[in-house]
Amino acid sequence: MINYRKRNEINEMRWNALVEQHPTGLPYAYTWYLDIVCPDWSAFVYGDYEAVMPLPIAQKFVVNYVYQPNYCQQLGVFALNDDVQVFDAFYTALRKKFWFFHVQQNPVFPSNKDLPGFKEKTNLTLSLQPSYAEIQQQYSESTKRNVNRGKKLSLIYSVDEMSTRRFVEVYSANTIGVPKTKITELIKTLSAQGMLSLLSVKSEFLEVLAADVVIKTPKRLVHLIPVTTPNGRTQGAMHFLIDQLIQQYAGTDMVLDFEGSSVENIARFYKSFGATEENFFDIRKRI
């Protein structure tokens, strides 16, 4: 049976244990993560937390609807088995309770995909199981040149040396409309949960050229908030950063999750490291 639960009615220990065991290794459905990216959320819960579905809630014209928050590429149903009837029951309940919704369902989705308001979307991921040498062979020639340029320029790669304040300053200076408070809270909470890698690349003169907030789960590294300065772009700083991250985790069971992209140039950049397509699902209901 599927029950609707308000945020304060959710058993956090059971919920987070399910998310931790989910085969994708995605971080977005942890209760503490949802509390940051969508302060008003509720959920559908199947049985004794055998499957769950977060419901980020917003309101328009006094009507509640479910939306897909920023910094949260995929949600939907999280279950440890792919029982079609269970997945169908969640989406039936969703359609009954909300007049309109937008859910980006994670890749584990055995239900009928030939439905109104349904389309496939593409994420890009890179398996880090091969050795670094094997992964590097998949790099495009352009990416190899950019990585080598960074080495010749003596760029400096650092992990967890940049402060939260400094990252937010660099990100704000190079990005429009930055939610500084939310990003600060996200970085601090990820650090407290032991799931943060705050990466940076500096020039030999210690100028910050690129940085990235990476979420580190037991199965996945999520390339969440990357930023490159104008000088960094001319020096191949983000190529260098990603290459260093790959070196760090090559030969492990981790997956590097680039979080997209539907933007052609960005997708081409990620594919230049050998990333492959992984589908997830955009599901909408409109009035």
C-alpha atoms as a PDB file:
ATOM      1  CA  MET A   1       0.000   0.000   0.000  1.00  0.00           C
ATOM      2  CA  ILE A   2       1.186   3.521  -0.810  1.00  0.00           C
ATOM      3  CA  ASN A   3       0.767   6.184   1.872  1.00  0.00           C
ATOM      4  CA  TYR A   4       1.173   9.937   1.629  1.00  0.00           C
ATOM      5  CA  ARG A   5       3.517  11.285   4.310  1.00  0.00           C
ATOM      6  CA  LYS A   6       4.334  14.843   5.295  1.00  0.00           C
ATOM      7  CA  ARG A   7       7.998  15.661   5.913  1.00  0.00           C
ATOM      8  CA  ASN A   8       7.670  15.428   9.707  1.00  0.00           C
ATOM      9  CA  GLU A   9       6.052  11.979   9.434  1.00  0.00           C
ATOM     10  CA  ILE A  10       8.973  10.363   7.601  1.00  0.00           C
ATOM     11  CA  ASN A  11      11.258   7.886   9.334  1.00  0.00           C
ATOM     12  CA  GLU A  12      14.603   9.351   8.281  1.00  0.00           C
ATOM     13  CA  MET A  13      16.667   6.309   9.223  1.00  0.00           C
ATOM     14  CA  ARG A  14      14.611   3.908   7.093  1.00  0.00           C
ATOM     15  CA  TRP A  15      14.261   6.381   4.234  1.00  0.00           C
ATOM     16  CA  ASN A  16      17.988   7.148   4.013  1.00  0.00           C
ATOM     17  CA  ALA A  17      18.910   3.470   4.354  1.00  0.00           C
ATOM     18  CA  LEU A  18      16.835   2.753   1.237  1.00  0.00           C
ATOM     19  CA  VAL A  19      18.434   5.641  -0.694  1.00  0.00           C
ATOM     20  CA  GLU A  20      21.900   4.439   0.349  1.00  0.00           C
ATOM     21  CA  GLN A  21      21.208   0.955  -1.041  1.00  0.00           C
ATOM     22  CA  HIS A  22      19.674   2.132  -4.318  1.00  0.00           C
ATOM     23  CA  PRO A  23      21.634   0.733  -7.289  1.00  0.00           C
ATOM     24  CA  THR A  24      22.193   4.144  -8.908  1.00  0.00           C
ATOM     25  CA  GLY A  25      24.096   5.602  -5.936  1.00  0.00           C
ATOM     26  CA  LEU A  26      22.332   8.937  -6.528  1.00  0.00           C
ATOM     27  CA  PRO A  27      22.488  11.428  -3.622  1.00  0.00           C
ATOM     28  CA  TYR A  28      19.469  13.599  -4.377  1.00  0.00           C
ATOM     29  CA  ALA A  29      16.822  11.722  -2.358  1.00  0.00           C
ATOM     30  CA  TYR A  30      18.528  11.773   1.043  1.00  0.00           C
ATOM     31  CA  THR A  31      16.255  13.620   3.489  1.00  0.00           C
ATOM     32  CA  TRP A  32      18.943  16.143   4.435  1.00  0.00           C
ATOM     33  CA  TYR A  33      19.656  16.893   0.754  1.00  0.00           C
ATOM     34  CA  LEU A  34      15.976  17.433  -0.030  1.00  0.00           C
ATOM     35  CA  ASP A  35      15.673  19.739   2.992  1.00  0.00           C
ATOM     36  CA  ILE A  36      18.179  22.091   1.321  1.00  0.00           C
ATOM     37  CA  VAL A  37      17.090  22.034  -2.331  1.00  0.00           C
ATOM     38  CA  CYS A  38      13.328  22.004  -1.660  1.00  0.00           C
ATOM     39  CA  PRO A  39      12.413  23.062   1.884  1.00  0.00           C
ATOM     40  CA  ASP A  40       8.740  22.111   1.373  1.00  0.00           C
ATOM     41  CA  TRP A  41       8.488  18.446   0.453  1.00  0.00           C
ATOM     42  CA  SER A  42       6.393  15.428   1.284  1.00  0.00           C
ATOM     43  CA  ALA A  43       6.426  11.866  -0.041  1.00  0.00           C
ATOM     44  CA  PHE A  44       4.705   8.683  -1.058  1.00  0.00           C
ATOM     45  CA  VAL A  45       5.922   5.631   0.880  1.00  0.00           C
ATOM     46  CA  TYR A  46       5.264   2.038  -0.136  1.00  0.00           C
ATOM     47  CA  GLY A  47       4.877  -0.516   2.652  1.00  0.00           C
ATOM     48  CA  ASP A  48       7.555  -0.333   5.331  1.00  0.00           C
ATOM     49  CA  TYR A  49       9.902   1.898   3.291  1.00  0.00           C
ATOM     50  CA  GLU A  50      10.307  -0.745   0.596  1.00  0.00           C
ATOM     51  CA  ALA A  51      10.023   2.064  -1.959  1.00  0.00           C
ATOM     52  CA  VAL A  52       9.702   5.853  -1.677  1.00  0.00           C
ATOM     53  CA  MET A  53       8.971   8.846  -3.880  1.00  0.00           C
ATOM     54  CA  PRO A  54       9.971  12.380  -2.785  1.00  0.00           C
ATOM     55  CA  LEU A  55       7.468  15.096  -3.685  1.00  0.00           C
ATOM     56  CA  PRO A  56       8.984  18.608  -3.822  1.00  0.00           C
ATOM     57  CA  ILE A  57       6.016  20.943  -3.403  1.00  0.00           C
ATOM     58  CA  ALA A  58       5.464  24.455  -4.720  1.00  0.00           C
ATOM     59  CA  GLN A  59       2.301  26.486  -5.096  1.00  0.00           C
ATOM     60  CA  LYS A  60       0.807  28.436  -7.972  1.00  0.00           C
ATOM     61  CA  PHE A  61      -2.575  30.164  -7.797  1.00  0.00           C
ATOM     62  CA  VAL A  62      -3.201  28.358  -4.457  1.00  0.00           C
ATOM     63  CA  VAL A  63      -2.699  24.988  -6.188  1.00  0.00           C
ATOM     64  CA  ASN A  64       0.062  22.672  -4.970  1.00  0.00           C
ATOM     65  CA  TYR A  65       2.203  21.003  -7.608  1.00  0.00           C
ATOM     66  CA  VAL A  66       5.293  18.787  -7.734  1.00  0.00           C
ATOM     67  CA  TYR A  67       8.418  20.234  -9.362  1.00  0.00           C
ATOM     68  CA  GLN A  68      12.017  19.217 -10.049  1.00  0.00           C
ATOM     69  CA  PRO A  69      14.365  21.322  -7.866  1.00  0.00           C
ATOM     70  CA  ASN A  70      17.678  22.829  -8.913  1.00  0.00           C
ATOM     71  CA  TYR A  71      20.837  20.885  -7.979  1.00  0.00           C
ATOM     72  CA  CYS A  72      18.716  17.761  -8.126  1.00  0.00           C
ATOM     73  CA  GLN A  73      18.796  16.170 -11.561  1.00  0.00           C
ATOM     74  CA  GLN A  74      16.846  12.988 -10.811  1.00  0.00           C
ATOM     75  CA  LEU A  75      14.240  11.920  -8.274  1.00  0.00           C
ATOM     76  CA  GLY A  76      11.118   9.819  -8.889  1.00  0.00           C
ATOM     77  CA  VAL A  77      10.619   6.394  -7.342  1.00  0.00           C
ATOM     78  CA  PHE A  78      13.459   4.810  -5.366  1.00  0.00           C
ATOM     79  CA  ALA A  79      13.003   1.067  -4.904  1.00  0.00           C
ATOM     80  CA  LEU A  80      15.304  -1.908  -4.427  1.00  0.00           C
ATOM     81  CA  ASN A  81      13.421  -4.097  -6.895  1.00  0.00           C
ATOM     82  CA  ASP A  82      11.834  -3.323 -10.246  1.00  0.00           C
ATOM     83  CA  ASP A  83       8.278  -4.469  -9.609  1.00  0.00           C
ATOM     84  CA  VAL A  84       6.281  -2.816 -12.391  1.00  0.00           C
ATOM     85  CA  GLN A  85       3.078  -2.827 -10.347  1.00  0.00           C
ATOM     86  CA  VAL A  86       4.733  -0.882  -7.529  1.00  0.00           C
ATOM     87  CA  PHE A  87       6.097   1.762  -9.899  1.00  0.00           C
ATOM     88  CA  ASP A  88       2.723   2.041 -11.650  1.00  0.00           C
ATOM     89  CA  ALA A  89       1.006   2.456  -8.274  1.00  0.00           C
ATOM     90  CA  PHE A  90       3.261   5.416  -7.389  1.00  0.00           C
ATOM     91  CA  TYR A  91       2.506   7.250 -10.620  1.00  0.00           C
ATOM     92  CA  THR A  92      -1.217   6.472 -10.353  1.00  0.00           C
ATOM     93  CA  ALA A  93      -1.202   8.000  -6.868  1.00  0.00           C
ATOM     94  CA  LEU A  94       0.732  11.011  -8.156  1.00  0.00           C
ATOM     95  CA  ARG A  95      -1.741  11.632 -10.982  1.00  0.00           C
ATOM     96  CA  LYS A  96      -4.687  11.387  -8.580  1.00  0.00           C
ATOM     97  CA  LYS A  97      -3.278  13.748  -5.954  1.00  0.00           C
ATOM     98  CA  PHE A  98      -1.775  16.517  -8.116  1.00  0.00           C
ATOM     99  CA  TRP A  99      -3.281  18.391 -11.032  1.00  0.00           C
ATOM    100  CA  PHE A 100       0.126  18.945 -12.521  1.00  0.00           C
ATOM    101  CA  PHE A 101       3.641  17.777 -11.821  1.00  0.00           C
ATOM    102  CA  HIS A 102       7.144  17.489 -13.262  1.00  0.00           C
ATOM    103  CA  VAL A 103       9.282  14.529 -12.186  1.00  0.00           C
ATOM    104  CA  GLN A 104      12.673  13.504 -13.551  1.00  0.00           C
ATOM    105  CA  GLN A 105      12.644   9.794 -12.809  1.00  0.00           C
ATOM    106  CA  ASN A 106      15.976   8.093 -12.137  1.00  0.00           C
ATOM    107  CA  PRO A 107      17.058   5.342 -14.586  1.00  0.00           C
ATOM    108  CA  VAL A 108      15.495   2.488 -12.585  1.00  0.00           C
ATOM    109  CA  PHE A 109      12.027   2.632 -14.152  1.00  0.00           C
ATOM    110  CA  PRO A 110      10.465  -0.590 -15.452  1.00  0.00           C
ATOM    111  CA  SER A 111       7.006   0.872 -16.145  1.00  0.00           C
ATOM    112  CA  ASN A 112       5.365   1.584 -19.483  1.00  0.00           C
ATOM    113  CA  LYS A 113       7.241   4.444 -21.129  1.00  0.00           C
ATOM    114  CA  ASP A 114       4.740   5.015 -23.942  1.00  0.00           C
ATOM    115  CA  LEU A 115       2.633   7.481 -21.967  1.00  0.00           C
ATOM    116  CA  PRO A 116       1.424  11.089 -22.441  1.00  0.00           C
ATOM    117  CA  GLY A 117       3.860  13.599 -20.967  1.00  0.00           C
ATOM    118  CA  PHE A 118       6.728  11.107 -20.977  1.00  0.00           C
ATOM    119  CA  LYS A 119      10.094  11.507 -22.691  1.00  0.00           C
ATOM    120  CA  GLU A 120      13.605  10.170 -22.296  1.00  0.00           C
ATOM    121  CA  LYS A 121      16.447  12.476 -21.292  1.00  0.00           C
ATOM    122  CA  THR A 122      20.164  11.812 -21.437  1.00  0.00           C
ATOM    123  CA  ASN A 123      22.736  11.945 -18.690  1.00  0.00           C
ATOM    124  CA  LEU A 124      26.428  11.308 -19.328  1.00  0.00           C
ATOM    125  CA  THR A 125      28.475   9.035 -17.078  1.00  0.00           C
ATOM    126  CA  LEU A 126      31.926   7.481 -17.101  1.00  0.00           C
ATOM    127  CA  SER A 127      32.776   4.140 -15.489  1.00  0.00           C
ATOM    128  CA  LEU A 128      35.948   4.441 -13.430  1.00  0.00           C
ATOM    129  CA  GLN A 129      36.518   0.677 -13.199  1.00  0.00           C
ATOM    130  CA  PRO A 130      39.226   0.611 -15.921  1.00  0.00           C
ATOM    131  CA  SER A 131      42.751   1.796 -15.184  1.00  0.00           C
ATOM    132  CA  TYR A 132      43.629   5.437 -15.764  1.00  0.00           C
ATOM    133  CA  ALA A 133      45.669   4.478 -18.839  1.00  0.00           C
ATOM    134  CA  GLU A 134      42.648   2.660 -20.309  1.00  0.00           C
ATOM    135  CA  ILE A 135      40.295   5.565 -19.620  1.00  0.00           C
ATOM    136  CA  GLN A 136      42.782   8.082 -21.027  1.00  0.00           C
ATOM    137  CA  GLN A 137      42.847   6.182 -24.314  1.00  0.00           C
ATOM    138  CA  GLN A 138      39.189   7.160 -24.764  1.00  0.00           C
ATOM    139  CA  TYR A 139      39.933  10.899 -24.523  1.00  0.00           C
ATOM    140  CA  SER A 140      39.482  12.910 -27.690  1.00  0.00           C
ATOM    141  CA  GLU A 141      42.619  14.434 -29.204  1.00  0.00           C
ATOM    142  CA  SER A 142      41.434  17.891 -28.178  1.00  0.00           C
ATOM    143  CA  THR A 143      40.999  16.803 -24.559  1.00  0.00           C
ATOM    144  CA  LYS A 144      44.448  15.196 -24.516  1.00  0.00           C
ATOM    145  CA  ARG A 145      45.935  18.480 -25.777  1.00  0.00           C
ATOM    146  CA  ASN A 146      44.116  20.510 -23.126  1.00  0.00           C
ATOM    147  CA  VAL A 147      45.190  18.187 -20.318  1.00  0.00           C
ATOM    148  CA  ASN A 148      48.783  18.341 -21.533  1.00  0.00           C
ATOM    149  CA  ARG A 149      48.564  22.136 -21.724  1.00  0.00           C
ATOM    150  CA  GLY A 150      47.599  22.205 -18.044  1.00  0.00           C
ATOM    151  CA  LYS A 151      50.596  20.040 -17.174  1.00  0.00           C
ATOM    152  CA  LYS A 152      52.980  22.266 -19.155  1.00  0.00           C
ATOM    153  CA  LEU A 153      51.565  25.335 -17.406  1.00  0.00           C
ATOM    154  CA  SER A 154      52.191  23.670 -14.006  1.00  0.00           C
ATOM    155  CA  LEU A 155      48.557  23.933 -12.947  1.00  0.00           C
ATOM    156  CA  ILE A 156      47.918  22.899  -9.347  1.00  0.00           C
ATOM    157  CA  TYR A 157      45.071  20.502  -8.476  1.00  0.00           C
ATOM    158  CA  SER A 158      43.774  20.523  -4.894  1.00  0.00           C
ATOM    159  CA  VAL A 159      41.129  18.570  -2.988  1.00  0.00           C
ATOM    160  CA  ASP A 160      39.295  20.178  -0.056  1.00  0.00           C
ATOM    161  CA  GLU A 161      41.748  23.051   0.309  1.00  0.00           C
ATOM    162  CA  MET A 162      39.409  25.783  -0.950  1.00  0.00           C
ATOM    163  CA  SER A 163      37.090  27.331   1.639  1.00  0.00           C
ATOM    164  CA  THR A 164      33.335  27.418   1.126  1.00  0.00           C
ATOM    165  CA  ARG A 165      33.416  31.218   1.106  1.00  0.00           C
ATOM    166  CA  ARG A 166      36.121  31.311  -1.574  1.00  0.00           C
ATOM    167  CA  PHE A 167      34.243  28.840  -3.782  1.00  0.00           C
ATOM    168  CA  VAL A 168      31.048  30.896  -3.551  1.00  0.00           C
ATOM    169  CA  GLU A 169      33.030  34.055  -4.410  1.00  0.00           C
ATOM    170  CA  VAL A 170      34.560  32.456  -7.510  1.00  0.00           C
ATOM    171  CA  TYR A 171      31.263  30.907  -8.580  1.00  0.00           C
ATOM    172  CA  SER A 172      29.356  34.172  -8.102  1.00  0.00           C
ATOM    173  CA  ALA A 173      31.940  36.143 -10.086  1.00  0.00           C
ATOM    174  CA  ASN A 174      31.568  33.815 -13.073  1.00  0.00           C
ATOM    175  CA  THR A 175      27.874  32.845 -12.978  1.00  0.00           C
ATOM    176  CA  ILE A 176      24.647  34.850 -13.165  1.00  0.00           C
ATOM    177  CA  GLY A 177      21.968  34.549 -10.488  1.00  0.00           C
ATOM    178  CA  VAL A 178      23.805  32.471  -7.903  1.00  0.00           C
ATOM    179  CA  PRO A 179      21.751  31.408  -4.824  1.00  0.00           C
ATOM    180  CA  LYS A 180      24.672  31.999  -2.442  1.00  0.00           C
ATOM    181  CA  THR A 181      22.898  30.935   0.752  1.00  0.00           C
ATOM    182  CA  LYS A 182      21.673  27.650  -0.734  1.00  0.00           C
ATOM    183  CA  ILE A 183      25.071  26.751  -2.212  1.00  0.00           C
ATOM    184  CA  THR A 184      26.811  27.586   1.070  1.00  0.00           C
ATOM    185  CA  GLU A 185      24.363  25.406   3.008  1.00  0.00           C
ATOM    186  CA  LEU A 186      24.708  22.595   0.475  1.00  0.00           C
ATOM    187  CA  ILE A 187      28.518  22.576   0.669  1.00  0.00           C
ATOM    188  CA  LYS A 188      28.551  22.666   4.474  1.00  0.00           C
ATOM    189  CA  THR A 189      25.969  19.890   4.768  1.00  0.00           C
ATOM    190  CA  LEU A 190      27.737  17.665   2.231  1.00  0.00           C
ATOM    191  CA  SER A 191      30.938  18.161   4.215  1.00  0.00           C
ATOM    192  CA  ALA A 192      29.195  17.256   7.479  1.00  0.00           C
ATOM    193  CA  GLN A 193      27.819  14.100   5.823  1.00  0.00           C
ATOM    194  CA  GLY A 194      31.311  13.110   4.601  1.00  0.00           C
ATOM    195  CA  MET A 195      30.146  13.324   0.976  1.00  0.00           C
ATOM    196  CA  LEU A 196      31.976  16.434  -0.267  1.00  0.00           C
ATOM    197  CA  SER A 197      34.983  16.779  -2.534  1.00  0.00           C
ATOM    198  CA  LEU A 198      35.644  20.473  -3.120  1.00  0.00           C
ATOM    199  CA  LEU A 199      38.085  20.556  -6.030  1.00  0.00           C
ATOM    200  CA  SER A 200      40.116  23.461  -7.371  1.00  0.00           C
ATOM    201  CA  VAL A 201      42.756  24.204  -9.975  1.00  0.00           C
ATOM    202  CA  LYS A 202      45.134  27.129  -9.588  1.00  0.00           C
ATOM    203  CA  SER A 203      47.831  28.601 -11.763  1.00  0.00           C
ATOM    204  CA  GLU A 204      51.452  28.429 -10.668  1.00  0.00           C
ATOM    205  CA  PHE A 205      50.843  31.982  -9.360  1.00  0.00           C
ATOM    206  CA  LEU A 206      47.951  30.630  -7.182  1.00  0.00           C
ATOM    207  CA  GLU A 207      45.153  32.243  -9.206  1.00  0.00           C
ATOM    208  CA  VAL A 208      41.972  30.136  -9.020  1.00  0.00           C
ATOM    209  CA  LEU A 209      41.152  28.983 -12.562  1.00  0.00           C
ATOM    210  CA  ALA A 210      38.480  26.320 -11.986  1.00  0.00           C
ATOM    211  CA  ALA A 211      36.601  24.660  -9.148  1.00  0.00           C
ATOM    212  CA  ASP A 212      33.924  22.042  -8.644  1.00  0.00           C
ATOM    213  CA  VAL A 213      31.598  20.768  -5.935  1.00  0.00           C
ATOM    214  CA  VAL A 214      31.585  16.975  -6.302  1.00  0.00           C
ATOM    215  CA  ILE A 215      29.207  14.782  -4.312  1.00  0.00           C
ATOM    216  CA  LYS A 216      30.838  11.523  -3.309  1.00  0.00           C
ATOM    217  CA  THR A 217      28.503   8.593  -2.581  1.00  0.00           C
ATOM    218  CA  PRO A 218      29.622   4.969  -2.186  1.00  0.00           C
ATOM    219  CA  LYS A 219      28.912   4.352  -5.884  1.00  0.00           C
ATOM    220  CA  ARG A 220      29.000   7.675  -7.680  1.00  0.00           C
ATOM    221  CA  LEU A 221      30.859  10.980  -8.040  1.00  0.00           C
ATOM    222  CA  VAL A 222      28.440  13.734  -9.061  1.00  0.00           C
ATOM    223  CA  HIS A 223      29.963  16.712 -10.919  1.00  0.00           C
ATOM    224  CA  LEU A 224      27.475  19.100  -9.286  1.00  0.00           C
ATOM    225  CA  ILE A 225      28.645  22.723  -9.429  1.00  0.00           C
ATOM    226  CA  PRO A 226      31.566  23.335 -11.805  1.00  0.00           C
ATOM    227  CA  VAL A 227      32.942  26.790 -12.528  1.00  0.00           C
ATOM    228  CA  THR A 228      35.747  28.032 -14.789  1.00  0.00           C
ATOM    229  CA  THR A 229      37.161  31.557 -14.953  1.00  0.00           C
ATOM    230  CA  PRO A 230      37.980  33.275 -18.285  1.00  0.00           C
ATOM    231  CA  ASN A 231      41.714  32.659 -17.689  1.00  0.00           C
ATOM    232  CA  GLY A 232      40.902  29.064 -16.782  1.00  0.00           C
ATOM    233  CA  ARG A 233      39.198  28.496 -20.120  1.00  0.00           C
ATOM    234  CA  THR A 234      42.278  29.587 -22.046  1.00  0.00           C
ATOM    235  CA  GLN A 235      44.473  27.249 -19.972  1.00  0.00           C
ATOM    236  CA  GLY A 236      42.320  24.113 -20.121  1.00  0.00           C
ATOM    237  CA  ALA A 237      41.706  24.253 -16.362  1.00  0.00           C
ATOM    238  CA  MET A 238      38.452  22.250 -16.306  1.00  0.00           C
ATOM    239  CA  HIS A 239      39.936  19.590 -18.594  1.00  0.00           C
ATOM    240  CA  PHE A 240      42.830  19.373 -16.143  1.00  0.00           C
ATOM    241  CA  LEU A 241      40.506  19.191 -13.111  1.00  0.00           C
ATOM    242  CA  ILE A 242      38.390  16.368 -14.534  1.00  0.00           C
ATOM    243  CA  ASP A 243      41.480  14.462 -15.644  1.00  0.00           C
ATOM    244  CA  GLN A 244      42.940  14.701 -12.137  1.00  0.00           C
ATOM    245  CA  LEU A 245      39.648  13.510 -10.628  1.00  0.00           C
ATOM    246  CA  ILE A 246      39.627  10.539 -13.014  1.00  0.00           C
ATOM    247  CA  GLN A 247      43.213   9.688 -12.027  1.00  0.00           C
ATOM    248  CA  GLN A 248      42.225   9.827  -8.367  1.00  0.00           C
ATOM    249  CA  TYR A 249      39.410   7.270  -8.705  1.00  0.00           C
ATOM    250  CA  ALA A 250      40.409   5.166 -11.735  1.00  0.00           C
ATOM    251  CA  GLY A 251      40.411   1.433 -11.022  1.00  0.00           C
ATOM    252  CA  THR A 252      37.521   1.691  -8.519  1.00  0.00           C
ATOM    253  CA  ASP A 253      33.846   0.744  -8.770  1.00  0.00           C
ATOM    254  CA  MET A 254      32.830   4.399  -8.885  1.00  0.00           C
ATOM    255  CA  VAL A 255      30.933   6.119 -11.692  1.00  0.00           C
ATOM    256  CA  LEU A 256      31.659   9.731 -12.629  1.00  0.00           C
ATOM    257  CA  ASP A 257      28.299  11.422 -13.202  1.00  0.00           C
ATOM    258  CA  PHE A 258      28.567  14.562 -15.344  1.00  0.00           C
ATOM    259  CA  GLU A 259      24.887  15.538 -14.739  1.00  0.00           C
ATOM    260  CA  GLY A 260      23.914  15.958 -18.367  1.00  0.00           C
ATOM    261  CA  SER A 261      23.897  17.845 -20.547  1.00  0.00           C
ATOM    262  CA  SER A 262      21.144  18.682 -23.029  1.00  0.00           C
ATOM    263  CA  VAL A 263      23.337  21.583 -24.208  1.00  0.00           C
ATOM    264  CA  GLU A 264      25.224  20.264 -27.237  1.00  0.00           C
ATOM    265  CA  ASN A 265      28.589  21.917 -26.547  1.00  0.00           C
ATOM    266  CA  ILE A 266      28.624  20.805 -22.906  1.00  0.00           C
ATOM    267  CA  ALA A 267      27.608  17.263 -23.860  1.00  0.00           C
ATOM    268  CA  ARG A 268      30.424  17.180 -26.425  1.00  0.00           C
ATOM    269  CA  PHE A 269      32.880  18.296 -23.732  1.00  0.00           C
ATOM    270  CA  TYR A 270      31.870  15.455 -21.375  1.00  0.00           C
ATOM    271  CA  LYS A 271      31.877  12.890 -24.177  1.00  0.00           C
ATOM    272  CA  SER A 272      35.450  13.933 -24.971  1.00  0.00           C
ATOM    273  CA  PHE A 273      36.493  12.089 -21.782  1.00  0.00           C
ATOM    274  CA  GLY A 274      34.791   8.903 -22.974  1.00  0.00           C
ATOM    275  CA  ALA A 275      31.481   9.454 -21.155  1.00  0.00           C
ATOM    276  CA  THR A 276      28.531   7.374 -22.368  1.00  0.00           C
ATOM    277  CA  GLU A 277      24.807   8.044 -22.366  1.00  0.00           C
ATOM    278  CA  GLU A 278      22.569   6.955 -19.496  1.00  0.00           C
ATOM    279  CA  ASN A 279      18.855   7.609 -19.922  1.00  0.00           C
ATOM    280  CA  PHE A 280      16.516   8.920 -17.272  1.00  0.00           C
ATOM    281  CA  PHE A 281      12.917   9.984 -17.726  1.00  0.00           C
ATOM    282  CA  ASP A 282      11.061  13.294 -17.804  1.00  0.00           C
ATOM    283  CA  ILE A 283       7.426  12.815 -16.763  1.00  0.00           C
ATOM    284  CA  ARG A 284       4.909  15.648 -16.713  1.00  0.00           C
ATOM    285  CA  LYS A 285       1.237  16.202 -16.172  1.00  0.00           C
ATOM    286  CA  ARG A 286      -0.275  19.525 -17.163  1.00  0.00           C
ATOM    287  CA  ILE A 287      -3.783  20.811 -16.630  1.00  0.00           C
END
